[in-house]
Amino acid sequence: MRIAQLNLFDLLSASRRLIAPARPAPPKRPTTARAKSSRREGPMAQRYAHLTRELLAIHNVRVRKWRTSMSGVAWMIEYRDGTRSNLIEAPRPKGPMSAAVFCHEIGHHAIGLGAFTPRCLEEYHAWMWSLEAMRNYDIPVTQRVRERVHDSLHYAVQKAQRRGLKRLPDELQPYRYPREVRITIPCRP
């Protein structure tokens, strides 16, 4: 003879099953093969995809994470056996701005991490490499991208000066000051 030991939870769940009516099974959905995207890739999307594939392969860089924001980071890991991994986090190139940020992070590996001192000079060369790569792949360098480059380099110069930079390299002289911001005030007729 077998004796079952029940606890309060067993009794409650058993009584619920007896009282509650059985639910009907959810209707089965027809399985149809769907395309990944309902629309075709346009010529610019193909250009951005080509840029992404080629730059990652040429410079042996791996994307650790595709960011949703327009920011990025590049770093390198050196393992005990001497091998190195070049890694970035950046937005997936879908427009001129995300392409610029992506190329900028690749540019850090292309020019060599830590190759230039001070750090703001490395930022300058990474941005110039980025703009050149965009031109080479026929990606438009918009006014907004140029503004982003100026704002980023101005921030880097200001940070270096706060940290005690003695002499600003000549390439960075134009970035000592913020870009001119044009504010338009609508006039009433």
N, C-alpha and C. Protein backbone atom coordinates (compact mmCIF):
# COMPACT_ATOMS: atom_id res chain seq x y z
N MET A 1 0.83 -1.17 0.00
CA MET A 1 0.00 0.00 0.00
C MET A 1 0.89 1.24 0.00
N ARG A 2 0.52 2.17 -0.84
CA ARG A 2 1.32 3.37 -1.00
C ARG A 2 0.59 4.55 -0.36
N ILE A 3 1.29 5.33 0.42
CA ILE A 3 0.69 6.48 1.09
C ILE A 3 1.28 7.74 0.47
N ALA A 4 0.40 8.63 0.03
CA ALA A 4 0.85 9.90 -0.55
C ALA A 4 0.75 10.97 0.51
N GLN A 5 1.78 11.78 0.56
CA GLN A 5 1.78 12.87 1.52
C GLN A 5 1.48 14.16 0.76
N LEU A 6 0.42 14.84 1.13
CA LEU A 6 0.00 16.05 0.45
C LEU A 6 0.20 17.25 1.36
N ASN A 7 0.52 18.36 0.74
CA ASN A 7 0.59 19.60 1.51
C ASN A 7 -0.56 20.51 1.08
N LEU A 8 -0.66 21.66 1.68
CA LEU A 8 -1.77 22.56 1.41
C LEU A 8 -1.79 23.02 -0.05
N PHE A 9 -0.61 23.30 -0.63
CA PHE A 9 -0.54 23.73 -2.03
C PHE A 9 -1.10 22.65 -2.96
N ASP A 10 -0.78 21.38 -2.69
CA ASP A 10 -1.29 20.29 -3.52
C ASP A 10 -2.81 20.24 -3.47
N LEU A 11 -3.36 20.43 -2.29
CA LEU A 11 -4.82 20.38 -2.15
C LEU A 11 -5.48 21.55 -2.88
N LEU A 12 -4.90 22.74 -2.76
CA LEU A 12 -5.48 23.91 -3.41
C LEU A 12 -5.40 23.80 -4.93
N SER A 13 -4.26 23.39 -5.45
CA SER A 13 -4.12 23.30 -6.90
C SER A 13 -5.01 22.20 -7.47
N ALA A 14 -5.20 21.11 -6.71
CA ALA A 14 -6.07 20.04 -7.18
C ALA A 14 -7.52 20.51 -7.20
N SER A 15 -7.92 21.27 -6.18
CA SER A 15 -9.31 21.74 -6.15
C SER A 15 -9.55 22.77 -7.25
N ARG A 16 -8.55 23.58 -7.60
CA ARG A 16 -8.71 24.55 -8.69
C ARG A 16 -8.91 23.83 -10.02
N ARG A 17 -8.17 22.75 -10.21
CA ARG A 17 -8.30 21.99 -11.46
C ARG A 17 -9.68 21.36 -11.58
N LEU A 18 -10.23 20.97 -10.45
CA LEU A 18 -11.55 20.34 -10.48
C LEU A 18 -12.65 21.38 -10.72
N ILE A 19 -12.47 22.59 -10.16
CA ILE A 19 -13.50 23.62 -10.26
C ILE A 19 -13.43 24.36 -11.60
N ALA A 20 -12.23 24.75 -12.04
CA ALA A 20 -12.09 25.57 -13.25
C ALA A 20 -12.34 24.74 -14.50
N PRO A 21 -13.07 25.32 -15.45
CA PRO A 21 -13.29 24.57 -16.69
C PRO A 21 -12.00 24.53 -17.51
N ALA A 22 -11.85 23.49 -18.27
CA ALA A 22 -10.65 23.34 -19.10
C ALA A 22 -10.67 24.38 -20.20
N ARG A 23 -9.53 25.00 -20.44
CA ARG A 23 -9.42 26.01 -21.49
C ARG A 23 -9.21 25.31 -22.83
N PRO A 24 -9.83 25.85 -23.85
CA PRO A 24 -9.57 25.26 -25.17
C PRO A 24 -8.15 25.60 -25.63
N ALA A 25 -7.57 24.73 -26.42
CA ALA A 25 -6.22 24.97 -26.93
C ALA A 25 -6.24 26.18 -27.86
N PRO A 26 -5.17 26.98 -27.85
CA PRO A 26 -5.14 28.14 -28.75
C PRO A 26 -5.14 27.68 -30.20
N PRO A 27 -5.76 28.46 -31.07
CA PRO A 27 -5.81 28.05 -32.47
C PRO A 27 -4.40 28.03 -33.07
N LYS A 28 -4.15 27.06 -33.92
CA LYS A 28 -2.83 26.95 -34.54
C LYS A 28 -2.75 27.92 -35.71
N ARG A 29 -1.63 28.60 -35.78
CA ARG A 29 -1.42 29.54 -36.87
C ARG A 29 -0.81 28.79 -38.05
N PRO A 30 -1.21 29.14 -39.23
CA PRO A 30 -0.60 28.47 -40.38
C PRO A 30 0.87 28.86 -40.50
N THR A 31 1.70 27.90 -40.77
CA THR A 31 3.13 28.17 -40.90
C THR A 31 3.44 28.46 -42.35
N THR A 32 3.86 29.69 -42.58
CA THR A 32 4.24 30.09 -43.93
C THR A 32 5.63 30.68 -43.87
N ALA A 33 6.38 30.48 -44.91
CA ALA A 33 7.72 31.05 -44.98
C ALA A 33 7.60 32.55 -45.23
N ARG A 34 8.20 33.33 -44.35
CA ARG A 34 8.17 34.78 -44.49
C ARG A 34 9.56 35.29 -44.81
N ALA A 35 9.60 36.32 -45.58
CA ALA A 35 10.88 36.97 -45.87
C ALA A 35 11.35 37.71 -44.62
N LYS A 36 12.67 37.91 -44.51
CA LYS A 36 13.22 38.62 -43.37
C LYS A 36 12.64 40.03 -43.27
N SER A 37 12.54 40.68 -44.39
CA SER A 37 12.02 42.04 -44.42
C SER A 37 11.01 42.14 -45.54
N SER A 38 9.98 42.92 -45.29
CA SER A 38 8.94 43.04 -46.31
C SER A 38 9.37 43.96 -47.45
N ARG A 39 10.40 44.75 -47.24
CA ARG A 39 10.85 45.63 -48.32
C ARG A 39 12.28 45.29 -48.71
N ARG A 40 12.60 45.62 -49.93
CA ARG A 40 13.94 45.35 -50.43
C ARG A 40 14.92 46.37 -49.89
N GLU A 41 16.19 45.95 -49.86
CA GLU A 41 17.23 46.88 -49.48
C GLU A 41 17.47 47.85 -50.62
N GLY A 42 17.51 49.13 -50.31
CA GLY A 42 17.80 50.13 -51.32
C GLY A 42 19.29 50.23 -51.58
N PRO A 43 19.68 51.03 -52.54
CA PRO A 43 21.10 51.14 -52.88
C PRO A 43 21.94 51.71 -51.73
N MET A 44 21.39 52.63 -50.94
CA MET A 44 22.17 53.17 -49.82
C MET A 44 22.34 52.13 -48.72
N ALA A 45 21.30 51.35 -48.46
CA ALA A 45 21.42 50.30 -47.44
C ALA A 45 22.49 49.30 -47.86
N GLN A 46 22.54 48.98 -49.15
CA GLN A 46 23.58 48.07 -49.64
C GLN A 46 24.96 48.69 -49.49
N ARG A 47 25.05 49.99 -49.72
CA ARG A 47 26.34 50.67 -49.57
C ARG A 47 26.81 50.65 -48.12
N TYR A 48 25.87 50.89 -47.18
CA TYR A 48 26.23 50.85 -45.76
C TYR A 48 26.64 49.44 -45.35
N ALA A 49 25.93 48.43 -45.83
CA ALA A 49 26.26 47.04 -45.51
C ALA A 49 27.64 46.68 -46.06
N HIS A 50 27.94 47.14 -47.27
CA HIS A 50 29.24 46.88 -47.90
C HIS A 50 30.35 47.53 -47.08
N LEU A 51 30.14 48.79 -46.68
CA LEU A 51 31.11 49.51 -45.85
C LEU A 51 31.38 48.74 -44.57
N THR A 52 30.32 48.29 -43.92
CA THR A 52 30.45 47.58 -42.65
C THR A 52 31.25 46.30 -42.81
N ARG A 53 30.85 45.46 -43.77
CA ARG A 53 31.54 44.18 -43.99
C ARG A 53 33.02 44.38 -44.31
N GLU A 54 33.30 45.30 -45.22
CA GLU A 54 34.69 45.48 -45.66
C GLU A 54 35.58 46.03 -44.56
N LEU A 55 35.14 47.06 -43.87
CA LEU A 55 35.99 47.66 -42.84
C LEU A 55 36.26 46.70 -41.69
N LEU A 56 35.24 45.93 -41.30
CA LEU A 56 35.45 44.96 -40.23
C LEU A 56 36.46 43.90 -40.67
N ALA A 57 36.36 43.44 -41.92
CA ALA A 57 37.26 42.39 -42.41
C ALA A 57 38.68 42.93 -42.62
N ILE A 58 38.80 44.09 -43.25
CA ILE A 58 40.13 44.64 -43.56
C ILE A 58 40.93 44.90 -42.29
N HIS A 59 40.28 45.43 -41.27
CA HIS A 59 41.00 45.83 -40.05
C HIS A 59 40.88 44.80 -38.93
N ASN A 60 40.32 43.64 -39.26
CA ASN A 60 40.23 42.53 -38.30
C ASN A 60 39.60 42.98 -36.98
N VAL A 61 38.44 43.58 -37.10
CA VAL A 61 37.73 44.12 -35.93
C VAL A 61 36.44 43.33 -35.74
N ARG A 62 36.11 43.08 -34.49
CA ARG A 62 34.86 42.41 -34.14
C ARG A 62 33.96 43.39 -33.41
N VAL A 63 32.68 43.32 -33.71
CA VAL A 63 31.71 44.17 -33.01
C VAL A 63 31.23 43.40 -31.79
N ARG A 64 31.49 43.94 -30.61
CA ARG A 64 31.01 43.30 -29.39
C ARG A 64 29.52 43.54 -29.23
N LYS A 65 29.09 44.76 -29.58
CA LYS A 65 27.68 45.10 -29.43
C LYS A 65 27.33 46.22 -30.39
N TRP A 66 26.21 46.08 -31.06
CA TRP A 66 25.69 47.17 -31.89
C TRP A 66 24.91 48.09 -30.97
N ARG A 67 25.33 49.33 -30.88
CA ARG A 67 24.66 50.29 -30.01
C ARG A 67 23.49 50.94 -30.72
N THR A 68 22.52 51.37 -29.93
CA THR A 68 21.39 52.09 -30.50
C THR A 68 21.63 53.60 -30.45
N SER A 69 22.57 54.03 -29.63
CA SER A 69 22.88 55.46 -29.53
C SER A 69 24.02 55.80 -30.49
N MET A 70 24.23 57.08 -30.71
CA MET A 70 25.29 57.54 -31.61
C MET A 70 26.58 57.74 -30.84
N SER A 71 27.01 56.69 -30.15
CA SER A 71 28.28 56.72 -29.43
C SER A 71 28.99 55.40 -29.66
N GLY A 72 30.27 55.39 -29.37
CA GLY A 72 31.01 54.15 -29.57
C GLY A 72 32.26 54.11 -28.72
N VAL A 73 32.91 52.95 -28.76
CA VAL A 73 34.16 52.75 -28.04
C VAL A 73 34.96 51.69 -28.78
N ALA A 74 36.28 51.85 -28.77
CA ALA A 74 37.18 50.88 -29.40
C ALA A 74 38.22 50.45 -28.37
N TRP A 75 38.52 49.17 -28.34
CA TRP A 75 39.55 48.68 -27.43
C TRP A 75 40.15 47.40 -27.99
N MET A 76 41.27 47.01 -27.39
CA MET A 76 41.97 45.81 -27.83
C MET A 76 42.24 44.94 -26.61
N ILE A 77 42.09 43.64 -26.78
CA ILE A 77 42.42 42.69 -25.72
C ILE A 77 43.61 41.88 -26.19
N GLU A 78 44.64 41.81 -25.36
CA GLU A 78 45.79 40.96 -25.67
C GLU A 78 45.76 39.77 -24.71
N TYR A 79 45.75 38.57 -25.28
CA TYR A 79 45.65 37.36 -24.49
C TYR A 79 47.03 36.87 -24.08
N ARG A 80 47.08 35.94 -23.14
CA ARG A 80 48.35 35.43 -22.64
C ARG A 80 49.20 34.80 -23.73
N ASP A 81 48.54 34.17 -24.70
CA ASP A 81 49.30 33.52 -25.78
C ASP A 81 49.79 34.51 -26.84
N GLY A 82 49.52 35.81 -26.65
CA GLY A 82 50.00 36.84 -27.56
C GLY A 82 49.02 37.27 -28.63
N THR A 83 47.91 36.55 -28.77
CA THR A 83 46.93 36.95 -29.78
C THR A 83 46.17 38.19 -29.29
N ARG A 84 45.66 38.93 -30.26
CA ARG A 84 44.95 40.17 -29.95
C ARG A 84 43.58 40.16 -30.59
N SER A 85 42.64 40.77 -29.91
CA SER A 85 41.29 40.96 -30.45
C SER A 85 41.01 42.45 -30.50
N ASN A 86 40.67 42.93 -31.68
CA ASN A 86 40.26 44.32 -31.84
C ASN A 86 38.74 44.37 -31.75
N LEU A 87 38.24 45.12 -30.80
CA LEU A 87 36.80 45.16 -30.54
C LEU A 87 36.28 46.58 -30.61
N ILE A 88 35.01 46.69 -31.00
CA ILE A 88 34.33 47.98 -30.96
C ILE A 88 32.89 47.78 -30.50
N GLU A 89 32.32 48.85 -30.00
CA GLU A 89 30.88 48.98 -29.84
C GLU A 89 30.53 50.26 -30.58
N ALA A 90 29.57 50.17 -31.48
CA ALA A 90 29.21 51.32 -32.30
C ALA A 90 27.82 51.10 -32.87
N PRO A 91 27.19 52.16 -33.37
CA PRO A 91 25.90 51.97 -34.03
C PRO A 91 26.09 51.29 -35.38
N ARG A 92 25.12 50.47 -35.77
CA ARG A 92 25.17 49.85 -37.10
C ARG A 92 24.94 50.96 -38.14
N PRO A 93 25.81 51.08 -39.14
CA PRO A 93 25.65 52.15 -40.13
C PRO A 93 24.35 52.03 -40.92
N LYS A 94 23.48 53.01 -40.73
CA LYS A 94 22.21 53.06 -41.46
C LYS A 94 21.99 54.43 -42.08
N GLY A 95 22.83 55.38 -41.70
CA GLY A 95 22.74 56.74 -42.21
C GLY A 95 24.11 57.39 -42.07
N PRO A 96 24.26 58.63 -42.53
CA PRO A 96 25.57 59.28 -42.47
C PRO A 96 26.14 59.41 -41.06
N MET A 97 25.30 59.73 -40.08
CA MET A 97 25.82 59.92 -38.72
C MET A 97 26.28 58.61 -38.10
N SER A 98 25.46 57.57 -38.20
CA SER A 98 25.86 56.28 -37.62
C SER A 98 27.07 55.72 -38.36
N ALA A 99 27.17 55.97 -39.67
CA ALA A 99 28.34 55.52 -40.44
C ALA A 99 29.59 56.26 -39.97
N ALA A 100 29.45 57.55 -39.68
CA ALA A 100 30.60 58.33 -39.21
C ALA A 100 31.11 57.81 -37.87
N VAL A 101 30.20 57.52 -36.95
CA VAL A 101 30.60 57.02 -35.63
C VAL A 101 31.23 55.63 -35.78
N PHE A 102 30.62 54.77 -36.59
CA PHE A 102 31.17 53.43 -36.84
C PHE A 102 32.58 53.53 -37.43
N CYS A 103 32.74 54.35 -38.47
CA CYS A 103 34.05 54.50 -39.10
C CYS A 103 35.07 55.10 -38.13
N HIS A 104 34.63 56.00 -37.27
CA HIS A 104 35.52 56.60 -36.28
C HIS A 104 36.09 55.52 -35.36
N GLU A 105 35.24 54.60 -34.91
CA GLU A 105 35.72 53.53 -34.02
C GLU A 105 36.66 52.58 -34.76
N ILE A 106 36.35 52.26 -36.02
CA ILE A 106 37.26 51.45 -36.83
C ILE A 106 38.57 52.22 -37.01
N GLY A 107 38.47 53.54 -37.19
CA GLY A 107 39.65 54.38 -37.37
C GLY A 107 40.63 54.28 -36.22
N HIS A 108 40.14 54.12 -35.01
CA HIS A 108 41.05 53.95 -33.87
C HIS A 108 41.94 52.74 -34.07
N HIS A 109 41.37 51.64 -34.59
CA HIS A 109 42.18 50.45 -34.84
C HIS A 109 43.06 50.62 -36.07
N ALA A 110 42.55 51.33 -37.08
CA ALA A 110 43.31 51.52 -38.32
C ALA A 110 44.57 52.34 -38.09
N ILE A 111 44.47 53.40 -37.28
CA ILE A 111 45.65 54.23 -37.02
C ILE A 111 46.49 53.67 -35.88
N GLY A 112 45.90 52.79 -35.08
CA GLY A 112 46.61 52.19 -33.95
C GLY A 112 46.20 52.84 -32.65
N LEU A 113 45.67 52.03 -31.75
CA LEU A 113 45.25 52.55 -30.45
C LEU A 113 46.48 53.05 -29.69
N GLY A 114 46.42 54.26 -29.20
CA GLY A 114 47.53 54.82 -28.44
C GLY A 114 48.70 55.27 -29.30
N ALA A 115 48.52 55.35 -30.62
CA ALA A 115 49.61 55.72 -31.52
C ALA A 115 49.95 57.20 -31.42
N PHE A 116 48.98 58.02 -31.03
CA PHE A 116 49.20 59.46 -30.96
C PHE A 116 48.99 59.94 -29.54
N THR A 117 49.86 60.86 -29.13
CA THR A 117 49.66 61.54 -27.85
C THR A 117 49.68 63.03 -28.14
N PRO A 118 48.90 63.81 -27.50
CA PRO A 118 47.91 63.48 -26.49
C PRO A 118 46.70 62.77 -27.08
N ARG A 119 45.83 62.33 -26.22
CA ARG A 119 44.65 61.55 -26.62
C ARG A 119 43.76 62.33 -27.59
N CYS A 120 43.65 63.62 -27.42
CA CYS A 120 42.81 64.42 -28.32
C CYS A 120 43.36 64.39 -29.74
N LEU A 121 44.67 64.20 -29.91
CA LEU A 121 45.25 64.09 -31.25
C LEU A 121 44.86 62.75 -31.89
N GLU A 122 44.79 61.69 -31.08
CA GLU A 122 44.31 60.40 -31.59
C GLU A 122 42.86 60.53 -32.04
N GLU A 123 42.05 61.24 -31.28
CA GLU A 123 40.65 61.47 -31.67
C GLU A 123 40.58 62.21 -33.01
N TYR A 124 41.44 63.21 -33.17
CA TYR A 124 41.47 63.97 -34.43
C TYR A 124 41.77 63.03 -35.61
N HIS A 125 42.82 62.23 -35.48
CA HIS A 125 43.20 61.33 -36.58
C HIS A 125 42.14 60.27 -36.84
N ALA A 126 41.48 59.78 -35.80
CA ALA A 126 40.40 58.80 -35.99
C ALA A 126 39.23 59.44 -36.74
N TRP A 127 38.91 60.69 -36.42
CA TRP A 127 37.83 61.37 -37.13
C TRP A 127 38.20 61.65 -38.58
N MET A 128 39.44 62.07 -38.83
CA MET A 128 39.85 62.34 -40.21
C MET A 128 39.86 61.04 -41.02
N TRP A 129 40.28 59.95 -40.39
CA TRP A 129 40.25 58.64 -41.06
C TRP A 129 38.81 58.27 -41.38
N SER A 130 37.92 58.54 -40.46
CA SER A 130 36.50 58.23 -40.64
C SER A 130 35.91 58.98 -41.83
N LEU A 131 36.18 60.27 -41.91
CA LEU A 131 35.64 61.08 -43.02
C LEU A 131 36.21 60.61 -44.36
N GLU A 132 37.49 60.26 -44.37
CA GLU A 132 38.11 59.76 -45.60
C GLU A 132 37.50 58.42 -46.02
N ALA A 133 37.26 57.54 -45.06
CA ALA A 133 36.64 56.25 -45.36
C ALA A 133 35.24 56.45 -45.92
N MET A 134 34.50 57.38 -45.36
CA MET A 134 33.15 57.65 -45.86
C MET A 134 33.20 58.14 -47.31
N ARG A 135 34.14 59.01 -47.61
CA ARG A 135 34.28 59.49 -48.99
C ARG A 135 34.66 58.34 -49.92
N ASN A 136 35.56 57.47 -49.48
CA ASN A 136 36.00 56.34 -50.31
C ASN A 136 34.86 55.38 -50.63
N TYR A 137 33.90 55.25 -49.73
CA TYR A 137 32.76 54.34 -49.94
C TYR A 137 31.51 55.07 -50.41
N ASP A 138 31.68 56.30 -50.86
CA ASP A 138 30.57 57.11 -51.38
C ASP A 138 29.43 57.28 -50.39
N ILE A 139 29.79 57.45 -49.13
CA ILE A 139 28.81 57.76 -48.09
C ILE A 139 28.84 59.28 -47.91
N PRO A 140 27.70 59.95 -47.97
CA PRO A 140 27.72 61.42 -47.88
C PRO A 140 28.18 61.92 -46.51
N VAL A 141 29.09 62.88 -46.53
CA VAL A 141 29.53 63.55 -45.30
C VAL A 141 28.68 64.81 -45.20
N THR A 142 27.65 64.73 -44.39
CA THR A 142 26.68 65.82 -44.28
C THR A 142 27.19 66.93 -43.36
N GLN A 143 26.48 68.05 -43.40
CA GLN A 143 26.82 69.16 -42.51
C GLN A 143 26.69 68.74 -41.06
N ARG A 144 25.69 67.95 -40.76
CA ARG A 144 25.49 67.48 -39.38
C ARG A 144 26.66 66.60 -38.93
N VAL A 145 27.22 65.80 -39.83
CA VAL A 145 28.39 64.97 -39.49
C VAL A 145 29.58 65.89 -39.20
N ARG A 146 29.79 66.90 -40.04
CA ARG A 146 30.90 67.84 -39.81
C ARG A 146 30.74 68.56 -38.46
N GLU A 147 29.50 68.91 -38.12
CA GLU A 147 29.25 69.54 -36.82
C GLU A 147 29.57 68.59 -35.68
N ARG A 148 29.21 67.33 -35.85
CA ARG A 148 29.49 66.33 -34.81
C ARG A 148 30.99 66.17 -34.61
N VAL A 149 31.74 66.15 -35.72
CA VAL A 149 33.19 66.03 -35.64
C VAL A 149 33.75 67.23 -34.87
N HIS A 150 33.31 68.43 -35.21
CA HIS A 150 33.81 69.62 -34.53
C HIS A 150 33.46 69.58 -33.04
N ASP A 151 32.22 69.25 -32.72
CA ASP A 151 31.80 69.20 -31.32
C ASP A 151 32.61 68.16 -30.54
N SER A 152 32.84 67.02 -31.15
CA SER A 152 33.59 65.94 -30.49
C SER A 152 35.04 66.36 -30.24
N LEU A 153 35.66 66.97 -31.25
CA LEU A 153 37.06 67.38 -31.09
C LEU A 153 37.18 68.57 -30.13
N HIS A 154 36.21 69.46 -30.13
CA HIS A 154 36.23 70.57 -29.17
C HIS A 154 36.15 70.01 -27.74
N TYR A 155 35.28 69.03 -27.54
CA TYR A 155 35.16 68.39 -26.23
C TYR A 155 36.48 67.72 -25.83
N ALA A 156 37.12 67.02 -26.78
CA ALA A 156 38.39 66.34 -26.48
C ALA A 156 39.49 67.33 -26.12
N VAL A 157 39.53 68.46 -26.83
CA VAL A 157 40.54 69.49 -26.55
C VAL A 157 40.28 70.10 -25.17
N GLN A 158 39.02 70.41 -24.88
CA GLN A 158 38.67 70.99 -23.58
C GLN A 158 39.04 70.04 -22.44
N LYS A 159 38.77 68.75 -22.64
CA LYS A 159 39.11 67.76 -21.62
C LYS A 159 40.62 67.70 -21.40
N ALA A 160 41.38 67.71 -22.50
CA ALA A 160 42.84 67.67 -22.39
C ALA A 160 43.36 68.91 -21.67
N GLN A 161 42.78 70.07 -21.96
CA GLN A 161 43.22 71.29 -21.29
C GLN A 161 42.85 71.28 -19.81
N ARG A 162 41.69 70.74 -19.47
CA ARG A 162 41.32 70.62 -18.05
C ARG A 162 42.29 69.72 -17.31
N ARG A 163 42.81 68.72 -18.02
CA ARG A 163 43.72 67.76 -17.40
C ARG A 163 45.18 68.23 -17.45
N GLY A 164 45.40 69.44 -17.93
CA GLY A 164 46.74 70.01 -17.85
C GLY A 164 47.57 69.95 -19.12
N LEU A 165 46.95 69.89 -20.28
CA LEU A 165 47.69 69.88 -21.55
C LEU A 165 48.50 71.17 -21.66
N LYS A 166 49.80 71.04 -21.91
CA LYS A 166 50.68 72.21 -21.98
C LYS A 166 50.63 72.87 -23.35
N ARG A 167 50.76 72.05 -24.42
CA ARG A 167 50.81 72.60 -25.77
C ARG A 167 49.81 71.85 -26.65
N LEU A 168 48.94 72.61 -27.28
CA LEU A 168 47.94 72.02 -28.17
C LEU A 168 48.55 71.84 -29.55
N PRO A 169 48.48 70.62 -30.12
CA PRO A 169 49.02 70.40 -31.47
C PRO A 169 48.34 71.31 -32.49
N ASP A 170 49.09 71.66 -33.54
CA ASP A 170 48.59 72.61 -34.55
C ASP A 170 47.30 72.13 -35.20
N GLU A 171 47.17 70.81 -35.43
CA GLU A 171 45.97 70.29 -36.09
C GLU A 171 44.70 70.60 -35.30
N LEU A 172 44.86 70.75 -33.98
CA LEU A 172 43.70 70.92 -33.11
C LEU A 172 43.38 72.38 -32.79
N GLN A 173 44.16 73.31 -33.32
CA GLN A 173 43.90 74.73 -33.04
C GLN A 173 42.48 75.17 -33.42
N PRO A 174 41.94 74.71 -34.57
CA PRO A 174 40.57 75.15 -34.91
C PRO A 174 39.50 74.66 -33.94
N TYR A 175 39.83 73.68 -33.11
CA TYR A 175 38.84 73.09 -32.21
C TYR A 175 38.94 73.64 -30.79
N ARG A 176 39.75 74.68 -30.59
CA ARG A 176 39.86 75.29 -29.26
C ARG A 176 38.55 75.94 -28.85
N TYR A 177 37.80 76.40 -29.83
CA TYR A 177 36.57 77.12 -29.56
C TYR A 177 35.38 76.33 -30.09
N PRO A 178 34.22 76.50 -29.48
CA PRO A 178 33.04 75.80 -30.00
C PRO A 178 32.68 76.34 -31.38
N ARG A 179 32.02 75.51 -32.15
CA ARG A 179 31.62 75.96 -33.49
C ARG A 179 30.59 77.07 -33.35
N GLU A 180 30.50 77.86 -34.38
CA GLU A 180 29.51 78.94 -34.36
C GLU A 180 28.14 78.33 -34.51
N VAL A 181 27.30 78.63 -33.56
CA VAL A 181 25.93 78.13 -33.61
C VAL A 181 25.06 79.26 -34.14
N ARG A 182 24.39 78.98 -35.23
CA ARG A 182 23.51 79.99 -35.82
C ARG A 182 22.10 79.78 -35.30
N ILE A 183 21.59 80.78 -34.65
CA ILE A 183 20.23 80.71 -34.14
C ILE A 183 19.37 81.62 -35.00
N THR A 184 18.35 81.06 -35.56
CA THR A 184 17.45 81.87 -36.38
C THR A 184 16.19 82.14 -35.58
N ILE A 185 15.84 83.39 -35.51
CA ILE A 185 14.63 83.79 -34.80
C ILE A 185 13.60 84.16 -35.86
N PRO A 186 12.49 83.46 -35.86
CA PRO A 186 11.49 83.78 -36.88
C PRO A 186 10.92 85.18 -36.66
N CYS A 187 10.78 85.91 -37.74
CA CYS A 187 10.21 87.26 -37.67
C CYS A 187 8.75 87.20 -38.06
N ARG A 188 7.95 87.95 -37.35
CA ARG A 188 6.53 88.03 -37.71
C ARG A 188 6.35 89.09 -38.77
N PRO A 189 5.57 88.80 -39.79
CA PRO A 189 5.35 89.81 -40.85
C PRO A 189 4.47 90.94 -40.40
